[in-house]
Amino acid sequence: MTFGKRQSGVGASAQTFSAEMATVRPDTARTDTARSDVATEDRPVKGGPIRWAIATLVCGAFLYGFLTSYGPDLRRDRHLVGTWQPAYDLRATEGKCKRTNFVITNCTATIVSVAQPDRAPIKVDFFMLFAGGGGEAIVPVRSTADRAAVSIHYAVETKLWNRTLTFVFGTVILALMTAAAALTFWKKVNS
């Protein structure tokens, strides 16, 4: 067989290893040690302790980021439930919801002040599971208990329970992934 040339035939390119290849040949009276060494060599274990330590840190970072970015707004909205009223001095612009894989919907809106046009716009960003935001009216609301709290009616009244369950579900999943990675790391270190 010539190196680098394509060979025609049924089994020319698909050679397989069989038990007979590592046995003693009667005509040469020697074993094919190179092939038998390859066949008996153990595979290295995948995922050493450093990989699992990195996986634990990454999962923990995702959990921390999820809790710190999504938790405070949801806690504020849960605390101020029932106190939201339409804010006629505010206008919602650039509102859109993007649905991913029919499961996660991420909605964003920008709220600007009509009375003070030079004031910095307020960004509202929330996500939910198994719900779409298409076709909903984007009505800016303000809390009567905390005048600085501004949001969208759809986020704080209509889909508050969905957002809460999404937060709990996401926290539990990320915590389980972090715990599983930490447990696997611990087992790899002690083995």
Protein backbone atom coordinates (compact mmCIF):
# COMPACT_ATOMS: atom_id res chain seq x y z
CA MET A 1 0.00 0.00 0.00
CA THR A 2 1.40 3.39 -0.93
CA PHE A 3 1.29 6.12 1.69
CA GLY A 4 -1.00 9.01 0.81
CA LYS A 5 -2.81 7.27 -2.03
CA ARG A 6 -6.42 6.30 -1.88
CA GLN A 7 -6.95 2.56 -2.10
CA SER A 8 -9.96 1.10 -3.81
CA GLY A 9 -11.75 -1.86 -2.39
CA VAL A 10 -14.34 -2.67 0.17
CA GLY A 11 -12.25 -2.87 3.34
CA ALA A 12 -9.05 -1.09 2.38
CA SER A 13 -9.65 2.00 4.46
CA ALA A 14 -11.69 0.41 7.24
CA GLN A 15 -9.30 -1.94 9.01
CA THR A 16 -10.43 -3.25 12.35
CA PHE A 17 -8.66 -4.72 15.31
CA SER A 18 -9.40 -8.30 16.21
CA ALA A 19 -8.13 -10.66 18.89
CA GLU A 20 -6.20 -12.65 16.30
CA MET A 21 -3.93 -9.69 15.52
CA ALA A 22 -2.28 -9.90 18.96
CA THR A 23 -1.66 -13.64 18.93
CA VAL A 24 1.46 -15.55 17.98
CA ARG A 25 1.80 -16.11 14.29
CA PRO A 26 2.92 -19.64 13.43
CA ASP A 27 5.16 -18.52 10.57
CA THR A 28 7.13 -15.86 12.53
CA ALA A 29 6.87 -17.19 16.11
CA ARG A 30 6.55 -13.71 17.65
CA THR A 31 3.74 -11.58 19.00
CA ASP A 32 2.63 -8.26 17.67
CA THR A 33 3.49 -6.34 20.84
CA ALA A 34 2.73 -2.89 19.49
CA ARG A 35 -0.89 -3.74 18.82
CA SER A 36 -1.35 -5.64 22.08
CA ASP A 37 0.03 -2.71 24.09
CA VAL A 38 -2.44 -0.36 22.49
CA ALA A 39 -5.32 -2.71 23.17
CA THR A 40 -4.54 -3.09 26.90
CA GLU A 41 -3.65 0.50 27.71
CA ASP A 42 -6.06 2.16 30.15
CA ARG A 43 -7.74 5.38 29.13
CA PRO A 44 -7.00 8.41 31.26
CA VAL A 45 -9.86 9.50 33.48
CA LYS A 46 -11.73 12.46 32.01
CA GLY A 47 -12.23 15.56 34.10
CA GLY A 48 -9.52 15.89 36.68
CA PRO A 49 -9.92 17.88 39.88
CA ILE A 50 -8.84 21.14 38.24
CA ARG A 51 -11.61 20.90 35.66
CA TRP A 52 -14.18 20.26 38.36
CA ALA A 53 -12.81 23.14 40.44
CA ILE A 54 -13.23 25.42 37.43
CA ALA A 55 -16.76 24.05 36.84
CA THR A 56 -17.62 24.75 40.49
CA LEU A 57 -16.33 28.31 40.23
CA VAL A 58 -18.17 28.97 36.97
CA CYS A 59 -21.47 27.59 38.30
CA GLY A 60 -21.02 29.56 41.51
CA ALA A 61 -20.31 32.73 39.52
CA PHE A 62 -23.47 32.20 37.45
CA LEU A 63 -25.48 31.68 40.63
CA TYR A 64 -24.03 34.80 42.22
CA GLY A 65 -24.64 36.86 39.08
CA PHE A 66 -28.21 35.60 38.82
CA LEU A 67 -28.95 36.41 42.45
CA THR A 68 -27.40 39.88 42.35
CA SER A 69 -28.73 41.00 38.98
CA TYR A 70 -32.26 39.62 39.04
CA GLY A 71 -33.00 39.27 42.77
CA PRO A 72 -33.10 42.91 43.95
CA ASP A 73 -35.56 44.07 41.28
CA LEU A 74 -37.83 41.11 41.91
CA ARG A 75 -37.68 41.65 45.68
CA ARG A 76 -38.59 45.33 45.19
CA ASP A 77 -41.50 44.44 42.91
CA ARG A 78 -42.78 41.80 45.37
CA HIS A 79 -42.51 44.29 48.24
CA LEU A 80 -44.42 47.00 46.35
CA VAL A 81 -47.16 44.75 44.93
CA GLY A 82 -50.52 46.54 44.82
CA THR A 83 -49.01 50.03 44.98
CA TRP A 84 -48.32 50.50 41.27
CA GLN A 85 -50.22 53.21 39.37
CA PRO A 86 -49.84 54.49 35.80
CA ALA A 87 -47.23 57.23 35.55
CA TYR A 88 -48.51 59.85 33.11
CA ASP A 89 -45.30 61.87 33.26
CA LEU A 90 -43.32 58.92 31.86
CA ARG A 91 -43.29 57.35 28.40
CA ALA A 92 -42.08 53.86 27.49
CA THR A 93 -39.97 53.56 24.35
CA GLU A 94 -38.03 50.78 22.66
CA GLY A 95 -40.02 48.02 24.32
CA LYS A 96 -39.52 44.52 22.98
CA CYS A 97 -39.65 40.92 24.09
CA LYS A 98 -37.42 38.25 22.60
CA ARG A 99 -38.39 34.62 23.01
CA THR A 100 -35.71 31.90 22.89
CA ASN A 101 -36.56 28.25 22.15
CA PHE A 102 -40.20 28.82 23.19
CA VAL A 103 -39.08 28.71 26.82
CA ILE A 104 -37.28 31.88 27.93
CA THR A 105 -38.63 35.34 27.17
CA ASN A 106 -36.40 38.36 27.82
CA CYS A 107 -38.18 41.73 27.76
CA THR A 108 -36.57 45.15 27.75
CA ALA A 109 -37.99 48.67 27.73
CA THR A 110 -36.68 52.17 28.12
CA ILE A 111 -38.67 54.67 30.17
CA VAL A 112 -38.09 58.38 29.56
CA SER A 113 -39.52 61.37 31.41
CA VAL A 114 -41.89 63.63 29.49
CA ALA A 115 -41.63 66.44 32.07
CA GLN A 116 -37.82 66.34 32.23
CA PRO A 117 -36.49 65.29 28.80
CA ASP A 118 -32.85 65.80 29.86
CA ARG A 119 -33.18 63.22 32.63
CA ALA A 120 -31.42 59.89 32.01
CA PRO A 121 -33.69 57.12 30.71
CA ILE A 122 -34.53 54.19 32.96
CA LYS A 123 -33.88 50.69 31.60
CA VAL A 124 -36.29 47.93 32.58
CA ASP A 125 -35.13 44.38 31.89
CA PHE A 126 -36.83 41.18 33.05
CA PHE A 127 -37.26 37.61 31.89
CA MET A 128 -39.72 34.82 32.43
CA LEU A 129 -40.31 31.21 31.47
CA PHE A 130 -43.06 29.77 29.26
CA ALA A 131 -44.68 33.12 28.51
CA GLY A 132 -44.47 35.50 25.61
CA GLY A 133 -44.65 39.24 25.78
CA GLY A 134 -45.82 39.90 22.28
CA GLY A 135 -48.70 42.33 21.84
CA GLU A 136 -48.81 43.56 25.43
CA ALA A 137 -49.14 47.27 26.12
CA ILE A 138 -46.05 48.89 27.60
CA VAL A 139 -47.47 51.10 30.33
CA PRO A 140 -44.99 52.81 32.67
CA VAL A 141 -46.00 52.65 36.33
CA ARG A 142 -44.77 54.25 39.54
CA SER A 143 -45.26 53.00 43.08
CA THR A 144 -47.30 55.08 45.51
CA ALA A 145 -45.17 53.80 48.40
CA ASP A 146 -41.80 54.59 46.78
CA ARG A 147 -41.93 57.36 44.16
CA ALA A 148 -38.47 56.45 42.84
CA ALA A 149 -39.62 52.92 41.91
CA VAL A 150 -40.55 52.88 38.22
CA SER A 151 -41.31 49.89 36.03
CA ILE A 152 -43.64 48.43 33.41
CA HIS A 153 -47.14 47.27 34.38
CA TYR A 154 -46.72 43.99 32.51
CA ALA A 155 -43.64 43.14 34.61
CA VAL A 156 -44.84 44.16 38.07
CA GLU A 157 -48.50 43.15 37.98
CA THR A 158 -49.33 40.82 35.10
CA LYS A 159 -46.29 38.51 35.14
CA LEU A 160 -45.01 38.92 38.70
CA TRP A 161 -45.79 35.32 39.72
CA ASN A 162 -44.16 34.00 36.56
CA ARG A 163 -41.06 36.08 37.24
CA THR A 164 -40.99 34.83 40.85
CA LEU A 165 -41.26 31.17 39.84
CA THR A 166 -38.63 31.72 37.14
CA PHE A 167 -36.28 33.17 39.76
CA VAL A 168 -36.86 30.28 42.18
CA PHE A 169 -36.46 27.67 39.42
CA GLY A 170 -33.28 29.30 38.08
CA THR A 171 -31.79 29.61 41.56
CA VAL A 172 -32.50 25.96 42.38
CA ILE A 173 -31.05 24.70 39.08
CA LEU A 174 -27.88 26.80 39.42
CA ALA A 175 -27.47 25.80 43.08
CA LEU A 176 -27.81 22.11 42.18
CA MET A 177 -25.27 22.46 39.38
CA THR A 178 -22.84 24.21 41.75
CA ALA A 179 -23.34 21.54 44.43
CA ALA A 180 -22.90 18.70 41.92
CA ALA A 181 -19.70 20.23 40.55
CA ALA A 182 -18.37 20.81 44.09
CA LEU A 183 -19.22 17.23 45.11
CA THR A 184 -17.51 15.81 42.03
CA PHE A 185 -14.47 18.01 42.71
CA TRP A 186 -14.37 16.74 46.29
CA LYS A 187 -14.54 13.12 45.11
CA LYS A 188 -11.75 13.66 42.56
CA VAL A 189 -9.49 15.28 45.14
CA ASN A 190 -10.03 12.48 47.67
CA SER A 191 -9.62 9.63 45.18
